[in-house]
Amino acid sequence: FGSFTQAVQFYSFNPTVGVGQLHDHYVYLSYAGMGARSVTVTSSNPAIAEVVTPTIAVSSSGSYVRIRGVAPGSTQLQFTGPQLSPTAITVFV
C-alpha cells in the first residue's frame, strides 16, 4: 500500500480576528476513513496572531482551532501532522 495524505479543510473560514479577541475556526478532514489525526497549528508571526490551541485532534467530524489577535497585520497559520499535506491560511488582525 502507498501512503495517503490529505489536507486540512476549512469550513466557512473567516480569516479576520480583532486585537485582543479570541476566535474559533472549524477545521476538518474530508476523508472519514483516516480517523482522527493530531494536527499541530502554528502562526508564522505570533506577535500578530497567537494560536491558543497549538495541537488539536482533527477528523472528518472536525475540531476547532482557537486563535487570539495580538496586533494589527496578517500572518499565516500552518497545519501539519502525520499523513497530512502541509496546509496554510492567512489570518488578518
Protein backbone atom coordinates (compact mmCIF):
# COMPACT_ATOMS: atom_id res chain seq x y z
CA PHE A 1 0.00 0.00 0.00
CA GLY A 2 1.20 3.51 -0.76
CA SER A 3 0.93 6.35 1.67
CA PHE A 4 -2.14 8.54 1.60
CA THR A 5 -2.16 12.18 2.60
CA GLN A 6 -4.86 14.81 2.71
CA ALA A 7 -5.11 18.46 3.63
CA VAL A 8 -6.96 20.04 6.50
CA GLN A 9 -10.18 21.64 5.21
CA PHE A 10 -11.72 24.88 6.48
CA TYR A 11 -15.45 25.33 6.99
CA SER A 12 -16.73 28.87 6.48
CA PHE A 13 -13.34 30.21 7.47
CA ASN A 14 -13.44 33.89 8.41
CA PRO A 15 -9.78 34.92 8.40
CA THR A 16 -10.29 38.10 10.47
CA VAL A 17 -9.98 38.50 14.24
CA GLY A 18 -9.79 41.70 16.27
CA VAL A 19 -6.89 42.70 18.50
CA GLY A 20 -7.42 41.10 21.92
CA GLN A 21 -10.23 38.88 20.62
CA LEU A 22 -10.43 35.10 20.56
CA HIS A 23 -11.85 33.32 17.53
CA ASP A 24 -12.56 29.62 16.99
CA HIS A 25 -12.07 28.30 13.47
CA TYR A 26 -13.66 24.98 12.46
CA VAL A 27 -11.39 22.61 10.54
CA TYR A 28 -11.93 19.02 9.36
CA LEU A 29 -10.58 16.19 7.23
CA SER A 30 -12.65 15.36 4.16
CA TYR A 31 -11.81 11.64 4.16
CA ALA A 32 -13.53 9.84 7.05
CA GLY A 33 -11.53 6.61 6.66
CA MET A 34 -8.38 8.12 8.11
CA GLY A 35 -9.78 8.64 11.62
CA ALA A 36 -8.60 11.45 13.87
CA ARG A 37 -5.15 12.94 13.29
CA SER A 38 -3.07 15.01 15.67
CA VAL A 39 -2.51 18.36 13.98
CA THR A 40 -0.01 20.99 15.03
CA VAL A 41 -1.09 24.57 14.35
CA THR A 42 1.50 27.36 14.30
CA SER A 43 1.45 31.04 13.44
CA SER A 44 4.25 32.36 11.24
CA ASN A 45 4.12 35.57 13.32
CA PRO A 46 2.79 35.03 16.87
CA ALA A 47 3.25 38.77 17.52
CA ILE A 48 0.22 39.26 15.22
CA ALA A 49 -1.92 36.17 15.93
CA GLU A 50 -1.32 33.64 18.68
CA VAL A 51 -2.52 30.03 18.38
CA VAL A 52 -4.20 29.23 21.71
CA THR A 53 -4.76 25.55 20.81
CA PRO A 54 -1.44 24.52 19.17
CA THR A 55 -2.34 20.81 18.99
CA ILE A 56 -5.78 19.56 18.01
CA ALA A 57 -7.25 16.18 17.06
CA VAL A 58 -8.94 16.58 13.68
CA SER A 59 -11.21 14.04 11.96
CA SER A 60 -13.99 14.17 9.41
CA SER A 61 -16.19 15.30 12.34
CA GLY A 62 -13.92 18.31 12.74
CA SER A 63 -12.38 20.30 15.53
CA TYR A 64 -11.82 23.92 16.44
CA VAL A 65 -8.57 25.83 16.50
CA ARG A 66 -8.61 28.95 18.68
CA ILE A 67 -6.54 32.00 17.82
CA ARG A 68 -6.05 35.32 19.58
CA GLY A 69 -5.49 38.60 17.77
CA VAL A 70 -2.40 40.29 19.21
CA ALA A 71 -1.55 43.21 16.90
CA PRO A 72 -2.74 44.55 13.52
CA GLY A 73 -1.34 42.80 10.46
CA SER A 74 -1.51 39.43 8.73
CA THR A 75 0.13 36.08 9.36
CA GLN A 76 -0.04 32.50 8.10
CA LEU A 77 -1.47 29.67 10.18
CA GLN A 78 0.23 26.40 9.28
CA PHE A 79 -1.39 23.00 9.88
CA THR A 80 0.93 19.97 9.92
CA GLY A 81 0.70 16.37 11.09
CA PRO A 82 1.19 12.73 10.17
CA GLN A 83 -0.30 11.76 6.80
CA LEU A 84 -1.40 15.36 6.19
CA SER A 85 -0.36 17.64 3.39
CA PRO A 86 1.00 20.89 4.85
CA THR A 87 -1.82 23.43 4.74
CA ALA A 88 -1.75 27.16 5.46
CA ILE A 89 -4.22 30.01 5.54
CA THR A 90 -3.76 33.74 6.01
CA VAL A 91 -5.28 35.39 9.08
CA PHE A 92 -5.84 39.15 9.37
CA VAL A 93 -5.90 41.02 12.68
